[in-house]
Amino acid sequence: MKLLLDENLPKKLKFDFSEHEIYTVSDKGWNSKKNGELLKLMLEEEFDVLFTFDRNLQFQQNFRKYPIAVIVLNAQDNAYITLKELVPQIKEVLNKNLPTGPTEIKARA
């Protein structure tokens, strides 16, 4: 599976998904791209999933136009130590048939 970490996530998170082909926005040279443009580039390069911390993305984009799965990480902050706790949940979601559009993964209280 080909994954992309949005620029609002720590780059270190990519090492928790080494079983996949995974890139950061920075790896691709796509820094500062607007969400629609980023999703278009992802389609062109055949990405399967975008990981993001941007909870507004689901309300800003038409996922019929951009048929990409998006995993929205919802935690108190986007620090690696916080998001690392979500890795088992993320992997569980990746092992299922991901729907197009956003799937939110929340930190447990």
PDB file of N, CA and C in Angstrom:
ATOM      1  N   MET A   1       0.842  -1.165   0.000  1.00  0.00           N
ATOM      2  CA  MET A   1       0.000   0.000   0.000  1.00  0.00           C
ATOM      3  C   MET A   1       0.897   1.242   0.000  1.00  0.00           C
ATOM      4  N   LYS A   2       0.502   2.249  -0.747  1.00  0.00           N
ATOM      5  CA  LYS A   2       1.288   3.476  -0.875  1.00  0.00           C
ATOM      6  C   LYS A   2       0.639   4.572  -0.020  1.00  0.00           C
ATOM      7  N   LEU A   3       1.396   5.044   0.982  1.00  0.00           N
ATOM      8  CA  LEU A   3       0.891   5.969   1.980  1.00  0.00           C
ATOM      9  C   LEU A   3       1.628   7.299   1.928  1.00  0.00           C
ATOM     10  N   LEU A   4       0.916   8.371   2.315  1.00  0.00           N
ATOM     11  CA  LEU A   4       1.525   9.697   2.385  1.00  0.00           C
ATOM     12  C   LEU A   4       1.203  10.328   3.731  1.00  0.00           C
ATOM     13  N   LEU A   5       2.245  10.825   4.413  1.00  0.00           N
ATOM     14  CA  LEU A   5       2.078  11.561   5.668  1.00  0.00           C
ATOM     15  C   LEU A   5       2.011  13.047   5.348  1.00  0.00           C
ATOM     16  N   ASP A   6       0.929  13.683   5.758  1.00  0.00           N
ATOM     17  CA  ASP A   6       0.763  15.118   5.552  1.00  0.00           C
ATOM     18  C   ASP A   6       1.845  15.876   6.320  1.00  0.00           C
ATOM     19  N   GLU A   7       2.092  17.116   5.928  1.00  0.00           N
ATOM     20  CA  GLU A   7       3.167  17.884   6.554  1.00  0.00           C
ATOM     21  C   GLU A   7       2.853  18.282   7.990  1.00  0.00           C
ATOM     22  N   ASN A   8       1.623  18.073   8.456  1.00  0.00           N
ATOM     23  CA  ASN A   8       1.284  18.392   9.840  1.00  0.00           C
ATOM     24  C   ASN A   8       1.546  17.216  10.792  1.00  0.00           C
ATOM     25  N   LEU A   9       2.188  16.170  10.292  1.00  0.00           N
ATOM     26  CA  LEU A   9       2.526  14.998  11.102  1.00  0.00           C
ATOM     27  C   LEU A   9       4.044  14.862  11.220  1.00  0.00           C
ATOM     28  N   PRO A  10       4.510  14.295  12.330  1.00  0.00           N
ATOM     29  CA  PRO A  10       5.964  14.113  12.484  1.00  0.00           C
ATOM     30  C   PRO A  10       6.509  13.085  11.492  1.00  0.00           C
ATOM     31  N   LYS A  11       7.619  13.428  10.858  1.00  0.00           N
ATOM     32  CA  LYS A  11       8.235  12.542   9.862  1.00  0.00           C
ATOM     33  C   LYS A  11       8.611  11.190  10.463  1.00  0.00           C
ATOM     34  N   LYS A  12       8.936  11.185  11.726  1.00  0.00           N
ATOM     35  CA  LYS A  12       9.346   9.962  12.419  1.00  0.00           C
ATOM     36  C   LYS A  12       8.255   8.882  12.368  1.00  0.00           C
ATOM     37  N   LEU A  13       7.005   9.290  12.225  1.00  0.00           N
ATOM     38  CA  LEU A  13       5.880   8.353  12.185  1.00  0.00           C
ATOM     39  C   LEU A  13       5.999   7.377  11.014  1.00  0.00           C
ATOM     40  N   LYS A  14       6.677   7.778   9.986  1.00  0.00           N
ATOM     41  CA  LYS A  14       6.786   6.918   8.801  1.00  0.00           C
ATOM     42  C   LYS A  14       7.529   5.609   9.104  1.00  0.00           C
ATOM     43  N   PHE A  15       8.393   5.604  10.104  1.00  0.00           N
ATOM     44  CA  PHE A  15       9.145   4.394  10.431  1.00  0.00           C
ATOM     45  C   PHE A  15       8.287   3.334  11.122  1.00  0.00           C
ATOM     46  N   ASP A  16       7.105   3.723  11.563  1.00  0.00           N
ATOM     47  CA  ASP A  16       6.181   2.766  12.165  1.00  0.00           C
ATOM     48  C   ASP A  16       5.372   2.010  11.107  1.00  0.00           C
ATOM     49  N   PHE A  17       5.544   2.364   9.846  1.00  0.00           N
ATOM     50  CA  PHE A  17       4.788   1.733   8.755  1.00  0.00           C
ATOM     51  C   PHE A  17       5.723   1.239   7.651  1.00  0.00           C
ATOM     52  N   SER A  18       6.873   0.711   8.052  1.00  0.00           N
ATOM     53  CA  SER A  18       7.889   0.292   7.082  1.00  0.00           C
ATOM     54  C   SER A  18       7.439  -0.873   6.200  1.00  0.00           C
ATOM     55  N   GLU A  19       6.358  -1.544   6.581  1.00  0.00           N
ATOM     56  CA  GLU A  19       5.845  -2.636   5.749  1.00  0.00           C
ATOM     57  C   GLU A  19       5.095  -2.108   4.525  1.00  0.00           C
ATOM     58  N   HIS A  20       4.922  -0.789   4.454  1.00  0.00           N
ATOM     59  CA  HIS A  20       4.252  -0.140   3.330  1.00  0.00           C
ATOM     60  C   HIS A  20       5.233   0.764   2.602  1.00  0.00           C
ATOM     61  N   GLU A  21       4.858   1.159   1.408  1.00  0.00           N
ATOM     62  CA  GLU A  21       5.605   2.186   0.682  1.00  0.00           C
ATOM     63  C   GLU A  21       5.083   3.517   1.222  1.00  0.00           C
ATOM     64  N   ILE A  22       5.894   4.221   1.993  1.00  0.00           N
ATOM     65  CA  ILE A  22       5.412   5.419   2.686  1.00  0.00           C
ATOM     66  C   ILE A  22       6.347   6.596   2.467  1.00  0.00           C
ATOM     67  N   TYR A  23       5.719   7.746   2.242  1.00  0.00           N
ATOM     68  CA  TYR A  23       6.445   8.985   1.983  1.00  0.00           C
ATOM     69  C   TYR A  23       5.861  10.091   2.850  1.00  0.00           C
ATOM     70  N   THR A  24       6.657  11.117   3.082  1.00  0.00           N
ATOM     71  CA  THR A  24       6.141  12.339   3.677  1.00  0.00           C
ATOM     72  C   THR A  24       5.907  13.335   2.543  1.00  0.00           C
ATOM     73  N   VAL A  25       5.101  14.353   2.815  1.00  0.00           N
ATOM     74  CA  VAL A  25       4.893  15.417   1.833  1.00  0.00           C
ATOM     75  C   VAL A  25       6.246  16.026   1.454  1.00  0.00           C
ATOM     76  N   SER A  26       7.107  16.165   2.437  1.00  0.00           N
ATOM     77  CA  SER A  26       8.450  16.720   2.202  1.00  0.00           C
ATOM     78  C   SER A  26       9.280  15.817   1.276  1.00  0.00           C
ATOM     79  N   ASP A  27       9.185  14.489   1.481  1.00  0.00           N
ATOM     80  CA  ASP A  27       9.913  13.551   0.601  1.00  0.00           C
ATOM     81  C   ASP A  27       9.558  13.780  -0.857  1.00  0.00           C
ATOM     82  N   LYS A  28       8.277  14.090  -1.102  1.00  0.00           N
ATOM     83  CA  LYS A  28       7.791  14.266  -2.473  1.00  0.00           C
ATOM     84  C   LYS A  28       8.011  15.686  -2.996  1.00  0.00           C
ATOM     85  N   GLY A  29       8.441  16.609  -2.121  1.00  0.00           N
ATOM     86  CA  GLY A  29       8.609  17.998  -2.542  1.00  0.00           C
ATOM     87  C   GLY A  29       7.284  18.725  -2.690  1.00  0.00           C
ATOM     88  N   TRP A  30       6.275  18.283  -1.937  1.00  0.00           N
ATOM     89  CA  TRP A  30       4.927  18.847  -2.045  1.00  0.00           C
ATOM     90  C   TRP A  30       4.578  19.766  -0.888  1.00  0.00           C
ATOM     91  N   ASN A  31       5.557  20.295  -0.190  1.00  0.00           N
ATOM     92  CA  ASN A  31       5.306  21.201   0.927  1.00  0.00           C
ATOM     93  C   ASN A  31       4.464  22.382   0.469  1.00  0.00           C
ATOM     94  N   SER A  32       3.595  22.839   1.331  1.00  0.00           N
ATOM     95  CA  SER A  32       2.748  24.019   1.125  1.00  0.00           C
ATOM     96  C   SER A  32       1.709  23.863   0.020  1.00  0.00           C
ATOM     97  N   LYS A  33       1.486  22.657  -0.451  1.00  0.00           N
ATOM     98  CA  LYS A  33       0.420  22.441  -1.443  1.00  0.00           C
ATOM     99  C   LYS A  33      -0.924  22.523  -0.729  1.00  0.00           C
ATOM    100  N   LYS A  34      -1.903  23.118  -1.374  1.00  0.00           N
ATOM    101  CA  LYS A  34      -3.261  23.159  -0.841  1.00  0.00           C
ATOM    102  C   LYS A  34      -3.838  21.746  -0.903  1.00  0.00           C
ATOM    103  N   ASN A  35      -4.833  21.470  -0.069  1.00  0.00           N
ATOM    104  CA  ASN A  35      -5.375  20.110   0.029  1.00  0.00           C
ATOM    105  C   ASN A  35      -5.847  19.536  -1.300  1.00  0.00           C
ATOM    106  N   GLY A  36      -6.595  20.304  -2.087  1.00  0.00           N
ATOM    107  CA  GLY A  36      -7.075  19.813  -3.373  1.00  0.00           C
ATOM    108  C   GLY A  36      -5.939  19.459  -4.316  1.00  0.00           C
ATOM    109  N   GLU A  37      -4.936  20.307  -4.356  1.00  0.00           N
ATOM    110  CA  GLU A  37      -3.768  20.068  -5.199  1.00  0.00           C
ATOM    111  C   GLU A  37      -3.002  18.831  -4.720  1.00  0.00           C
ATOM    112  N   LEU A  38      -2.884  18.693  -3.405  1.00  0.00           N
ATOM    113  CA  LEU A  38      -2.201  17.535  -2.829  1.00  0.00           C
ATOM    114  C   LEU A  38      -2.933  16.241  -3.194  1.00  0.00           C
ATOM    115  N   LEU A  39      -4.244  16.237  -3.068  1.00  0.00           N
ATOM    116  CA  LEU A  39      -5.030  15.048  -3.414  1.00  0.00           C
ATOM    117  C   LEU A  39      -4.909  14.723  -4.899  1.00  0.00           C
ATOM    118  N   LYS A  40      -4.877  15.735  -5.749  1.00  0.00           N
ATOM    119  CA  LYS A  40      -4.698  15.518  -7.189  1.00  0.00           C
ATOM    120  C   LYS A  40      -3.346  14.868  -7.479  1.00  0.00           C
ATOM    121  N   LEU A  41      -2.294  15.367  -6.833  1.00  0.00           N
ATOM    122  CA  LEU A  41      -0.959  14.785  -7.007  1.00  0.00           C
ATOM    123  C   LEU A  41      -0.925  13.335  -6.520  1.00  0.00           C
ATOM    124  N   MET A  42      -1.620  13.079  -5.417  1.00  0.00           N
ATOM    125  CA  MET A  42      -1.675  11.713  -4.890  1.00  0.00           C
ATOM    126  C   MET A  42      -2.342  10.769  -5.893  1.00  0.00           C
ATOM    127  N   LEU A  43      -3.410  11.215  -6.525  1.00  0.00           N
ATOM    128  CA  LEU A  43      -4.076  10.391  -7.542  1.00  0.00           C
ATOM    129  C   LEU A  43      -3.139  10.116  -8.716  1.00  0.00           C
ATOM    130  N   GLU A  44      -2.445  11.153  -9.169  1.00  0.00           N
ATOM    131  CA  GLU A  44      -1.524  11.010 -10.297  1.00  0.00           C
ATOM    132  C   GLU A  44      -0.425   9.999  -9.996  1.00  0.00           C
ATOM    133  N   GLU A  45       0.025   9.945  -8.740  1.00  0.00           N
ATOM    134  CA  GLU A  45       1.113   9.041  -8.360  1.00  0.00           C
ATOM    135  C   GLU A  45       0.619   7.767  -7.678  1.00  0.00           C
ATOM    136  N   GLU A  46      -0.689   7.539  -7.774  1.00  0.00           N
ATOM    137  CA  GLU A  46      -1.327   6.287  -7.330  1.00  0.00           C
ATOM    138  C   GLU A  46      -1.120   5.974  -5.846  1.00  0.00           C
ATOM    139  N   PHE A  47      -1.271   6.992  -5.013  1.00  0.00           N
ATOM    140  CA  PHE A  47      -1.257   6.777  -3.569  1.00  0.00           C
ATOM    141  C   PHE A  47      -2.589   6.175  -3.150  1.00  0.00           C
ATOM    142  N   ASP A  48      -2.553   5.399  -2.080  1.00  0.00           N
ATOM    143  CA  ASP A  48      -3.767   4.776  -1.557  1.00  0.00           C
ATOM    144  C   ASP A  48      -4.365   5.539  -0.382  1.00  0.00           C
ATOM    145  N   VAL A  49      -3.505   6.082   0.480  1.00  0.00           N
ATOM    146  CA  VAL A  49      -3.974   6.669   1.738  1.00  0.00           C
ATOM    147  C   VAL A  49      -3.166   7.914   2.097  1.00  0.00           C
ATOM    148  N   LEU A  50      -3.883   8.919   2.592  1.00  0.00           N
ATOM    149  CA  LEU A  50      -3.266  10.111   3.172  1.00  0.00           C
ATOM    150  C   LEU A  50      -3.500  10.060   4.677  1.00  0.00           C
ATOM    151  N   PHE A  51      -2.439  10.250   5.460  1.00  0.00           N
ATOM    152  CA  PHE A  51      -2.549  10.422   6.909  1.00  0.00           C
ATOM    153  C   PHE A  51      -2.472  11.920   7.171  1.00  0.00           C
ATOM    154  N   THR A  52      -3.376  12.445   7.983  1.00  0.00           N
ATOM    155  CA  THR A  52      -3.358  13.874   8.290  1.00  0.00           C
ATOM    156  C   THR A  52      -3.828  14.131   9.710  1.00  0.00           C
ATOM    157  N   PHE A  53      -3.495  15.302  10.211  1.00  0.00           N
ATOM    158  CA  PHE A  53      -3.976  15.773  11.505  1.00  0.00           C
ATOM    159  C   PHE A  53      -5.037  16.849  11.293  1.00  0.00           C
ATOM    160  N   ASP A  54      -5.324  17.160  10.034  1.00  0.00           N
ATOM    161  CA  ASP A  54      -6.255  18.221   9.648  1.00  0.00           C
ATOM    162  C   ASP A  54      -7.689  17.700   9.685  1.00  0.00           C
ATOM    163  N   ARG A  55      -8.386  17.967  10.784  1.00  0.00           N
ATOM    164  CA  ARG A  55      -9.755  17.475  10.940  1.00  0.00           C
ATOM    165  C   ARG A  55     -10.749  18.207  10.050  1.00  0.00           C
ATOM    166  N   ASN A  56     -10.368  19.342   9.494  1.00  0.00           N
ATOM    167  CA  ASN A  56     -11.271  20.085   8.606  1.00  0.00           C
ATOM    168  C   ASN A  56     -11.258  19.562   7.174  1.00  0.00           C
ATOM    169  N   LEU A  57     -10.255  18.779   6.820  1.00  0.00           N
ATOM    170  CA  LEU A  57     -10.123  18.267   5.453  1.00  0.00           C
ATOM    171  C   LEU A  57     -11.396  17.580   4.986  1.00  0.00           C
ATOM    172  N   GLN A  58     -12.028  16.813   5.859  1.00  0.00           N
ATOM    173  CA  GLN A  58     -13.225  16.060   5.494  1.00  0.00           C
ATOM    174  C   GLN A  58     -14.389  16.965   5.095  1.00  0.00           C
ATOM    175  N   PHE A  59     -14.374  18.207   5.548  1.00  0.00           N
ATOM    176  CA  PHE A  59     -15.440  19.146   5.221  1.00  0.00           C
ATOM    177  C   PHE A  59     -15.077  20.053   4.054  1.00  0.00           C
ATOM    178  N   GLN A  60     -13.814  20.039   3.663  1.00  0.00           N
ATOM    179  CA  GLN A  60     -13.332  20.957   2.643  1.00  0.00           C
ATOM    180  C   GLN A  60     -13.190  20.326   1.266  1.00  0.00           C
ATOM    181  N   GLN A  61     -13.205  19.001   1.187  1.00  0.00           N
ATOM    182  CA  GLN A  61     -12.927  18.336  -0.090  1.00  0.00           C
ATOM    183  C   GLN A  61     -14.076  17.442  -0.522  1.00  0.00           C
ATOM    184  N   ASN A  62     -14.221  17.298  -1.828  1.00  0.00           N
ATOM    185  CA  ASN A  62     -15.217  16.420  -2.429  1.00  0.00           C
ATOM    186  C   ASN A  62     -14.521  15.094  -2.741  1.00  0.00           C
ATOM    187  N   PHE A  63     -14.808  14.077  -1.941  1.00  0.00           N
ATOM    188  CA  PHE A  63     -14.097  12.816  -2.120  1.00  0.00           C
ATOM    189  C   PHE A  63     -14.666  11.959  -3.247  1.00  0.00           C
ATOM    190  N   ARG A  64     -15.688  12.447  -3.928  1.00  0.00           N
ATOM    191  CA  ARG A  64     -16.085  11.799  -5.191  1.00  0.00           C
ATOM    192  C   ARG A  64     -15.114  12.235  -6.287  1.00  0.00           C
ATOM    193  N   LYS A  65     -14.612  13.448  -6.149  1.00  0.00           N
ATOM    194  CA  LYS A  65     -13.633  13.977  -7.105  1.00  0.00           C
ATOM    195  C   LYS A  65     -12.239  13.406  -6.831  1.00  0.00           C
ATOM    196  N   TYR A  66     -11.938  13.165  -5.552  1.00  0.00           N
ATOM    197  CA  TYR A  66     -10.638  12.637  -5.139  1.00  0.00           C
ATOM    198  C   TYR A  66     -10.859  11.324  -4.387  1.00  0.00           C
ATOM    199  N   PRO A  67     -10.995  10.220  -5.104  1.00  0.00           N
ATOM    200  CA  PRO A  67     -11.293   8.935  -4.444  1.00  0.00           C
ATOM    201  C   PRO A  67     -10.074   8.329  -3.741  1.00  0.00           C
ATOM    202  N   ILE A  68      -9.694   8.965  -2.638  1.00  0.00           N
ATOM    203  CA  ILE A  68      -8.541   8.536  -1.848  1.00  0.00           C
ATOM    204  C   ILE A  68      -9.005   8.326  -0.418  1.00  0.00           C
ATOM    205  N   ALA A  69      -8.478   7.311   0.221  1.00  0.00           N
ATOM    206  CA  ALA A  69      -8.752   7.096   1.640  1.00  0.00           C
ATOM    207  C   ALA A  69      -7.895   8.065   2.445  1.00  0.00           C
ATOM    208  N   VAL A  70      -8.497   8.651   3.469  1.00  0.00           N
ATOM    209  CA  VAL A  70      -7.791   9.607   4.329  1.00  0.00           C
ATOM    210  C   VAL A  70      -7.967   9.159   5.770  1.00  0.00           C
ATOM    211  N   ILE A  71      -6.869   9.004   6.465  1.00  0.00           N
ATOM    212  CA  ILE A  71      -6.923   8.687   7.893  1.00  0.00           C
ATOM    213  C   ILE A  71      -6.628   9.974   8.647  1.00  0.00           C
ATOM    214  N   VAL A  72      -7.652  10.434   9.368  1.00  0.00           N
ATOM    215  CA  VAL A  72      -7.544  11.665  10.145  1.00  0.00           C
ATOM    216  C   VAL A  72      -7.225  11.279  11.586  1.00  0.00           C
ATOM    217  N   LEU A  73      -6.059  11.692  12.052  1.00  0.00           N
ATOM    218  CA  LEU A  73      -5.636  11.375  13.411  1.00  0.00           C
ATOM    219  C   LEU A  73      -6.153  12.453  14.362  1.00  0.00           C
ATOM    220  N   ASN A  74      -6.858  12.021  15.386  1.00  0.00           N
ATOM    221  CA  ASN A  74      -7.476  12.937  16.328  1.00  0.00           C
ATOM    222  C   ASN A  74      -6.900  12.658  17.714  1.00  0.00           C
ATOM    223  N   ALA A  75      -6.014  13.533  18.158  1.00  0.00           N
ATOM    224  CA  ALA A  75      -5.361  13.385  19.463  1.00  0.00           C
ATOM    225  C   ALA A  75      -5.164  14.781  20.056  1.00  0.00           C
ATOM    226  N   GLN A  76      -4.725  14.829  21.305  1.00  0.00           N
ATOM    227  CA  GLN A  76      -4.558  16.120  21.977  1.00  0.00           C
ATOM    228  C   GLN A  76      -3.497  16.990  21.307  1.00  0.00           C
ATOM    229  N   ASP A  77      -2.526  16.368  20.646  1.00  0.00           N
ATOM    230  CA  ASP A  77      -1.511  17.110  19.900  1.00  0.00           C
ATOM    231  C   ASP A  77      -0.942  16.190  18.829  1.00  0.00           C
ATOM    232  N   ASN A  78      -0.098  16.752  17.973  1.00  0.00           N
ATOM    233  CA  ASN A  78       0.474  15.950  16.890  1.00  0.00           C
ATOM    234  C   ASN A  78       1.939  15.592  17.141  1.00  0.00           C
ATOM    235  N   ALA A  79       2.322  15.496  18.391  1.00  0.00           N
ATOM    236  CA  ALA A  79       3.677  15.065  18.745  1.00  0.00           C
ATOM    237  C   ALA A  79       3.818  13.568  18.479  1.00  0.00           C
ATOM    238  N   TYR A  80       5.000  13.160  18.073  1.00  0.00           N
ATOM    239  CA  TYR A  80       5.229  11.743  17.761  1.00  0.00           C
ATOM    240  C   TYR A  80       4.852  10.835  18.926  1.00  0.00           C
ATOM    241  N   ILE A  81       5.258  11.190  20.126  1.00  0.00           N
ATOM    242  CA  ILE A  81       4.992  10.335  21.289  1.00  0.00           C
ATOM    243  C   ILE A  81       3.488  10.130  21.503  1.00  0.00           C
ATOM    244  N   THR A  82       2.695  11.135  21.183  1.00  0.00           N
ATOM    245  CA  THR A  82       1.229  11.032  21.297  1.00  0.00           C
ATOM    246  C   THR A  82       0.667  10.166  20.176  1.00  0.00           C
ATOM    247  N   LEU A  83       1.088  10.433  18.949  1.00  0.00           N
ATOM    248  CA  LEU A  83       0.536   9.723  17.788  1.00  0.00           C
ATOM    249  C   LEU A  83       0.999   8.278  17.715  1.00  0.00           C
ATOM    250  N   LYS A  84       2.153   7.971  18.279  1.00  0.00           N
ATOM    251  CA  LYS A  84       2.644   6.591  18.285  1.00  0.00           C
ATOM    252  C   LYS A  84       1.635   5.664  18.959  1.00  0.00           C
ATOM    253  N   GLU A  85       0.893   6.182  19.925  1.00  0.00           N
ATOM    254  CA  GLU A  85      -0.142   5.396  20.611  1.00  0.00           C
ATOM    255  C   GLU A  85      -1.268   4.959  19.657  1.00  0.00           C
ATOM    256  N   LEU A  86      -1.435   5.675  18.552  1.00  0.00           N
ATOM    257  CA  LEU A  86      -2.492   5.368  17.588  1.00  0.00           C
ATOM    258  C   LEU A  86      -2.073   4.335  16.539  1.00  0.00           C
ATOM    259  N   VAL A  87      -0.786   4.019  16.482  1.00  0.00           N
ATOM    260  CA  VAL A  87      -0.263   3.134  15.436  1.00  0.00           C
ATOM    261  C   VAL A  87      -1.002   1.791  15.370  1.00  0.00           C
ATOM    262  N   PRO A  88      -1.249   1.088  16.480  1.00  0.00           N
ATOM    263  CA  PRO A  88      -1.983  -0.180  16.371  1.00  0.00           C
ATOM    264  C   PRO A  88      -3.380  -0.008  15.769  1.00  0.00           C
ATOM    265  N   GLN A  89      -4.085   1.066  16.132  1.00  0.00           N
ATOM    266  CA  GLN A  89      -5.405   1.331  15.566  1.00  0.00           C
ATOM    267  C   GLN A  89      -5.305   1.630  14.069  1.00  0.00           C
ATOM    268  N   ILE A  90      -4.297   2.395  13.695  1.00  0.00           N
ATOM    269  CA  ILE A  90      -4.105   2.736  12.282  1.00  0.00           C
ATOM    270  C   ILE A  90      -3.856   1.470  11.472  1.00  0.00           C
ATOM    271  N   LYS A  91      -2.984   0.610  11.979  1.00  0.00           N
ATOM    272  CA  LYS A  91      -2.669  -0.634  11.253  1.00  0.00           C
ATOM    273  C   LYS A  91      -3.897  -1.518  11.122  1.00  0.00           C
ATOM    274  N   GLU A  92      -4.729  -1.537  12.140  1.00  0.00           N
ATOM    275  CA  GLU A  92      -5.966  -2.314  12.074  1.00  0.00           C
ATOM    276  C   GLU A  92      -6.878  -1.785  10.966  1.00  0.00           C
ATOM    277  N   VAL A  93      -6.989  -0.462  10.877  1.00  0.00           N
ATOM    278  CA  VAL A  93      -7.803   0.163   9.835  1.00  0.00           C
ATOM    279  C   VAL A  93      -7.209  -0.115   8.449  1.00  0.00           C
ATOM    280  N   LEU A  94      -5.895  -0.062   8.327  1.00  0.00           N
ATOM    281  CA  LEU A  94      -5.248  -0.308   7.031  1.00  0.00           C
ATOM    282  C   LEU A  94      -5.471  -1.740   6.544  1.00  0.00           C
ATOM    283  N   ASN A  95      -5.663  -2.663   7.465  1.00  0.00           N
ATOM    284  CA  ASN A  95      -5.868  -4.056   7.089  1.00  0.00           C
ATOM    285  C   ASN A  95      -7.295  -4.352   6.643  1.00  0.00           C
ATOM    286  N   LYS A  96      -8.172  -3.369   6.733  1.00  0.00           N
ATOM    287  CA  LYS A  96      -9.551  -3.509   6.272  1.00  0.00           C
ATOM    288  C   LYS A  96      -9.679  -2.845   4.913  1.00  0.00           C
ATOM    289  N   ASN A  97     -10.825  -3.005   4.288  1.00  0.00           N
ATOM    290  CA  ASN A  97     -11.090  -2.276   3.048  1.00  0.00           C
ATOM    291  C   ASN A  97     -11.428  -0.835   3.407  1.00  0.00           C
ATOM    292  N   LEU A  98     -10.494   0.055   3.173  1.00  0.00           N
ATOM    293  CA  LEU A  98     -10.690   1.461   3.517  1.00  0.00           C
ATOM    294  C   LEU A  98     -11.672   2.122   2.568  1.00  0.00           C
ATOM    295  N   PRO A  99     -12.623   2.854   3.112  1.00  0.00           N
ATOM    296  CA  PRO A  99     -13.530   3.597   2.228  1.00  0.00           C
ATOM    297  C   PRO A  99     -12.840   4.845   1.684  1.00  0.00           C
ATOM    298  N   THR A 100     -13.340   5.357   0.586  1.00  0.00           N
ATOM    299  CA  THR A 100     -12.880   6.632   0.058  1.00  0.00           C
ATOM    300  C   THR A 100     -13.274   7.717   1.046  1.00  0.00           C
ATOM    301  N   GLY A 101     -12.410   8.690   1.200  1.00  0.00           N
ATOM    302  CA  GLY A 101     -12.705   9.789   2.109  1.00  0.00           C
ATOM    303  C   GLY A 101     -12.152   9.528   3.493  1.00  0.00           C
ATOM    304  N   PRO A 102     -12.581  10.364   4.441  1.00  0.00           N
ATOM    305  CA  PRO A 102     -11.970  10.336   5.764  1.00  0.00           C
ATOM    306  C   PRO A 102     -12.448   9.225   6.680  1.00  0.00           C
ATOM    307  N   THR A 103     -11.508   8.666   7.426  1.00  0.00           N
ATOM    308  CA  THR A 103     -11.756   7.758   8.528  1.00  0.00           C
ATOM    309  C   THR A 103     -11.008   8.346   9.710  1.00  0.00           C
ATOM    310  N   GLU A 104     -11.730   8.674  10.757  1.00  0.00           N
ATOM    311  CA  GLU A 104     -11.092   9.307  11.913  1.00  0.00           C
ATOM    312  C   GLU A 104     -10.639   8.247  12.911  1.00  0.00           C
ATOM    313  N   ILE A 105      -9.430   8.425  13.405  1.00  0.00           N
ATOM    314  CA  ILE A 105      -8.889   7.560  14.459  1.00  0.00           C
ATOM    315  C   ILE A 105      -8.614   8.449  15.653  1.00  0.00           C
ATOM    316  N   LYS A 106      -9.350   8.179  16.736  1.00  0.00           N
ATOM    317  CA  LYS A 106      -9.251   9.016  17.939  1.00  0.00           C
ATOM    318  C   LYS A 106      -8.383   8.359  18.989  1.00  0.00           C
ATOM    319  N   ALA A 107      -7.651   9.218  19.683  1.00  0.00           N
ATOM    320  CA  ALA A 107      -6.883   8.740  20.833  1.00  0.00           C
ATOM    321  C   ALA A 107      -7.871   8.296  21.908  1.00  0.00           C
ATOM    322  N   ARG A 108      -7.526   7.229  22.572  1.00  0.00           N
ATOM    323  CA  ARG A 108      -8.391   6.778  23.659  1.00  0.00           C
ATOM    324  C   ARG A 108      -8.218   7.713  24.849  1.00  0.00           C
ATOM    325  N   ALA A 109      -9.312   7.989  25.504  1.00  0.00           N
ATOM    326  CA  ALA A 109      -9.274   8.935  26.641  1.00  0.00           C
ATOM    327  C   ALA A 109      -8.571   8.343  27.846  1.00  0.00           C
TER     328      ALA A 109
END
